[in-house]
Protein backbone atom coordinates (compact mmCIF):
# COMPACT_ATOMS: atom_id res chain seq x y z
CA MET A 1 0.00 0.00 0.00
CA SER A 2 1.32 3.43 -0.97
CA TRP A 3 1.12 6.07 1.78
CA VAL A 4 0.73 9.83 1.48
CA LEU A 5 3.13 12.30 3.15
CA ASP A 6 3.46 16.07 3.28
CA ALA A 7 6.45 17.80 1.68
CA ASP A 8 8.61 17.79 4.83
CA ALA A 9 8.04 14.10 5.49
CA LEU A 10 8.56 13.19 1.85
CA ALA A 11 11.81 15.19 1.76
CA ALA A 12 12.95 13.18 4.79
CA GLN A 13 12.18 9.95 2.90
CA LEU A 14 14.28 11.22 0.02
CA ALA A 15 17.17 12.19 2.30
CA ALA A 16 17.10 8.64 3.68
CA GLY A 17 17.69 7.28 0.18
CA GLU A 18 14.11 6.30 -0.66
CA ALA A 19 12.33 6.79 -3.97
CA VAL A 20 9.03 8.73 -3.94
CA LEU A 21 6.20 9.83 -6.22
CA PHE A 22 4.99 13.38 -6.84
CA PRO A 23 3.02 15.37 -9.45
CA THR A 24 4.52 17.66 -12.08
CA ASP A 25 3.06 19.83 -14.83
CA THR A 26 3.46 16.97 -17.32
CA LEU A 27 3.44 13.44 -15.86
CA PRO A 28 3.82 12.15 -12.30
CA ALA A 29 7.47 11.69 -11.33
CA LEU A 30 9.33 8.81 -9.78
CA ALA A 31 12.25 10.45 -7.97
CA CYS A 32 15.18 10.06 -5.60
CA ILE A 33 18.27 12.02 -4.60
CA PRO A 34 21.01 11.79 -7.27
CA ALA A 35 23.33 9.80 -5.00
CA VAL A 36 21.01 6.78 -5.19
CA ALA A 37 19.89 7.24 -8.82
CA PRO A 38 20.48 3.53 -9.72
CA LEU A 39 17.44 2.84 -7.52
CA LEU A 40 15.18 4.32 -10.21
CA TRP A 41 16.53 2.04 -12.93
CA ARG A 42 16.00 -0.97 -10.66
CA LEU A 43 12.45 0.03 -9.71
CA LYS A 44 11.48 0.63 -13.33
CA CYS A 45 13.38 -2.40 -14.70
CA ARG A 46 14.76 0.19 -17.09
CA PRO A 47 17.97 -0.18 -19.14
CA PRO A 48 20.77 1.93 -17.60
CA ASP A 49 21.49 3.56 -20.96
CA LYS A 50 18.20 5.50 -20.61
CA PRO A 51 19.28 8.69 -18.78
CA LEU A 52 17.42 10.32 -15.93
CA ILE A 53 16.47 14.00 -15.59
CA LEU A 54 17.73 16.37 -12.89
CA MET A 55 14.73 18.39 -11.71
CA GLY A 56 15.08 21.55 -9.62
CA ALA A 57 12.84 24.10 -7.96
CA ASP A 58 14.34 26.96 -9.97
CA LEU A 59 17.25 27.83 -12.23
CA GLN A 60 19.42 29.07 -9.36
CA GLN A 61 19.13 25.73 -7.57
CA LEU A 62 20.43 23.92 -10.64
CA LEU A 63 23.19 26.42 -11.44
CA GLY A 64 24.87 25.82 -8.12
CA LEU A 65 25.26 22.08 -8.65
CA LEU A 66 26.75 21.72 -12.10
CA GLY A 67 30.23 23.07 -11.55
CA VAL A 68 30.54 24.54 -15.06
CA PRO A 69 29.92 28.05 -16.41
CA TRP A 70 26.64 28.33 -18.20
CA ARG A 71 26.78 29.81 -21.67
CA SER A 72 24.60 32.85 -22.26
CA GLU A 73 22.58 30.88 -24.82
CA TRP A 74 21.76 28.23 -22.21
CA LEU A 75 20.68 30.83 -19.69
CA ASP A 76 18.53 32.63 -22.27
CA GLN A 77 16.77 29.37 -23.18
CA ALA A 78 16.29 28.43 -19.52
CA HIS A 79 14.69 31.81 -18.77
CA ARG A 80 12.37 31.35 -21.77
CA CYS A 81 11.35 27.78 -20.91
CA TRP A 82 11.33 27.53 -17.12
CA PRO A 83 9.33 26.94 -15.14
CA GLY A 84 7.63 24.79 -17.71
CA ALA A 85 7.36 21.58 -19.69
CA THR A 86 10.77 21.70 -21.38
CA THR A 87 13.85 19.63 -20.59
CA LEU A 88 17.18 21.15 -21.65
CA VAL A 89 19.96 18.70 -22.45
CA LEU A 90 23.32 20.41 -22.00
CA PRO A 91 26.83 19.12 -22.82
CA ILE A 92 28.29 19.20 -19.34
CA ALA A 93 30.34 16.74 -17.32
CA GLY A 94 30.91 15.93 -13.67
CA PRO A 95 29.61 13.67 -10.90
CA LEU A 96 25.93 14.38 -11.51
CA VAL A 97 26.24 13.49 -15.19
CA GLU A 98 27.87 10.19 -14.29
CA LEU A 99 25.15 9.44 -11.75
CA LEU A 100 22.19 10.24 -14.00
CA ASN A 101 23.66 9.47 -17.43
CA PRO A 102 26.47 6.93 -16.88
CA GLY A 103 29.07 7.13 -19.62
CA GLY A 104 27.38 10.15 -21.17
CA ALA A 105 28.56 13.71 -21.64
CA SER A 106 25.30 15.59 -21.21
CA LEU A 107 22.56 16.05 -18.65
CA GLY A 108 18.85 16.76 -18.97
CA LEU A 109 17.59 19.53 -16.66
CA ARG A 110 14.09 20.78 -15.88
CA VAL A 111 12.20 23.19 -13.63
CA PRO A 112 8.52 22.22 -13.59
CA ALA A 113 5.63 24.68 -13.52
CA ALA A 114 4.01 22.77 -10.66
CA PRO A 115 3.78 24.44 -7.24
CA LEU A 116 3.60 21.16 -5.29
CA ALA A 117 6.66 19.79 -7.08
CA CYS A 118 8.67 22.99 -6.62
CA ASP A 119 7.80 23.19 -2.94
CA LEU A 120 9.12 19.65 -2.47
CA LEU A 121 12.24 20.39 -4.52
CA ARG A 122 13.03 23.45 -2.40
CA ARG A 123 13.00 21.19 0.66
CA SER A 124 14.77 18.18 -0.85
CA GLY A 125 17.17 19.81 -3.31
CA PRO A 126 17.32 18.78 -6.98
CA LEU A 127 16.21 15.23 -7.66
CA ALA A 128 16.85 12.49 -10.18
CA THR A 129 13.50 11.93 -11.90
CA THR A 130 11.74 9.83 -14.49
CA SER A 131 8.12 9.04 -15.34
CA ALA A 132 6.19 6.89 -12.86
CA ASN A 133 5.82 3.63 -14.76
CA ARG A 134 7.56 0.33 -15.27
CA SER A 135 9.80 0.21 -18.32
CA GLY A 136 7.74 -0.37 -21.47
CA ALA A 137 4.42 0.47 -19.78
CA LEU A 138 2.38 3.60 -20.36
CA PRO A 139 3.27 6.49 -18.01
CA ALA A 140 1.01 7.05 -15.00
CA THR A 141 -1.10 10.18 -15.36
CA ASP A 142 -2.42 10.53 -11.80
CA ALA A 143 -1.67 9.57 -8.20
CA ASP A 144 -3.67 6.33 -8.29
CA GLN A 145 -1.90 5.06 -11.39
CA ALA A 146 1.49 5.98 -9.93
CA ALA A 147 0.67 4.12 -6.72
CA ALA A 148 -0.50 1.08 -8.68
CA ALA A 149 2.82 0.99 -10.54
CA PHE A 150 4.89 1.45 -7.35
CA PRO A 151 2.70 0.40 -4.41
CA GLY A 152 5.50 0.50 -1.84
CA LEU A 153 6.46 4.14 -2.39
CA ALA A 154 5.24 7.26 -0.60
CA ARG A 155 3.29 9.89 -2.53
CA LEU A 156 3.20 13.64 -2.02
CA ALA A 157 0.15 15.05 -0.23
CA PRO A 158 -2.47 16.32 -0.78
CA LEU A 159 -4.54 14.04 -2.99
CA PRO A 160 -5.87 14.22 -5.63
CA TRP A 161 -2.91 15.72 -7.47
CA PRO A 162 -3.42 18.64 -9.87
CA GLN A 163 -3.84 17.31 -13.38
CA GLY A 164 -0.72 17.56 -15.53
CA SER A 165 -0.64 17.72 -19.30
CA GLY A 166 -0.53 13.93 -19.62
CA ALA A 167 2.39 14.14 -22.05
CA PRO A 168 6.14 14.10 -21.43
CA SER A 169 8.12 17.31 -21.58
CA ARG A 170 9.58 18.78 -24.74
CA VAL A 171 13.30 17.98 -24.98
CA LEU A 172 15.75 20.50 -26.46
CA ALA A 173 19.43 19.54 -26.77
CA TRP A 174 22.31 21.93 -27.35
CA ARG A 175 24.39 20.91 -30.36
CA GLU A 176 27.29 23.19 -31.27
CA PRO A 177 26.71 23.90 -34.99
CA ALA A 178 29.51 23.97 -37.53
CA ASP A 179 27.70 26.89 -39.17
CA SER A 180 26.89 29.78 -36.81
CA ALA A 181 23.77 30.51 -38.88
CA LEU A 182 22.21 27.19 -37.82
CA ASP A 183 20.02 26.80 -34.74
CA PRO A 184 22.09 25.02 -32.06
CA TRP A 185 18.95 23.75 -30.29
CA GLN A 186 17.83 20.39 -31.58
CA VAL A 187 14.31 19.18 -30.75
CA LEU A 188 14.75 15.62 -29.52
CA ARG A 189 11.11 15.32 -28.56
CA PRO A 190 8.16 17.68 -29.07
CA GLY A 191 5.87 18.27 -26.14
CA PRO A 192 3.56 20.70 -24.36
CA ILE A 193 4.87 24.28 -24.25
CA GLY A 194 3.28 26.85 -21.98
CA ASN A 195 -0.47 26.80 -22.52
CA ASP A 196 -0.25 25.10 -25.90
CA ARG A 197 -2.17 21.87 -26.29
CA ALA A 198 0.00 18.93 -25.24
CA ALA A 199 1.58 16.85 -27.96
CA PRO A 200 0.97 13.08 -27.73
CA PRO A 201 3.71 10.99 -26.13
CA ALA A 202 6.46 9.92 -28.49
CA PRO A 203 6.57 6.26 -29.58
CA GLY A 204 7.90 4.15 -26.76
CA GLY A 205 6.47 6.67 -24.29
CA GLY A 206 6.99 4.19 -21.47
CA GLU A 207 10.70 4.89 -21.71
CA THR A 208 10.50 8.68 -21.45
CA PRO A 209 11.32 11.00 -18.59
CA CYS A 210 8.62 13.26 -17.22
């Protein structure tokens, strides 16, 4: 049976190395602190070559953890997109990249437009996240579906959760172009933007982050 905890209690669960469930503006998230990120792959039965997303309460919270200078283009895009349903994949390295994207050289980052999620993230610090479903299954879209997928995990109170878009976030990746006239932002996955109608999940949606 999944139990329901307020933000302080859920943050304590996270600090103890537990995985938890909470709502976002897109899909419910399965999350843990980055130090125990392999837990999410095990819970989902997900291949480890599928990277996780680092979710923060705001841009400043993420900036302080990455250990690299942010390019002005990255900051401009972050200010345009966040908080919101866009994941930015940036070519950075360091311990967090290795934890959430083992062997990779980039990291997906997001600040959700979801007050409950951001309140939790302010208490817990940035979290490793993915959609709340077993690998290959459709993503959960509400608290009951998330609990059915992971019945042993705590959920964020109160219930019911605010309804998200039901689609995964848009993913934009920075790719340094050979020609400066080309757009360096590559759309890896379309998705809901602002108040636009949500795009349907990409094929293989059960393998997508939230």
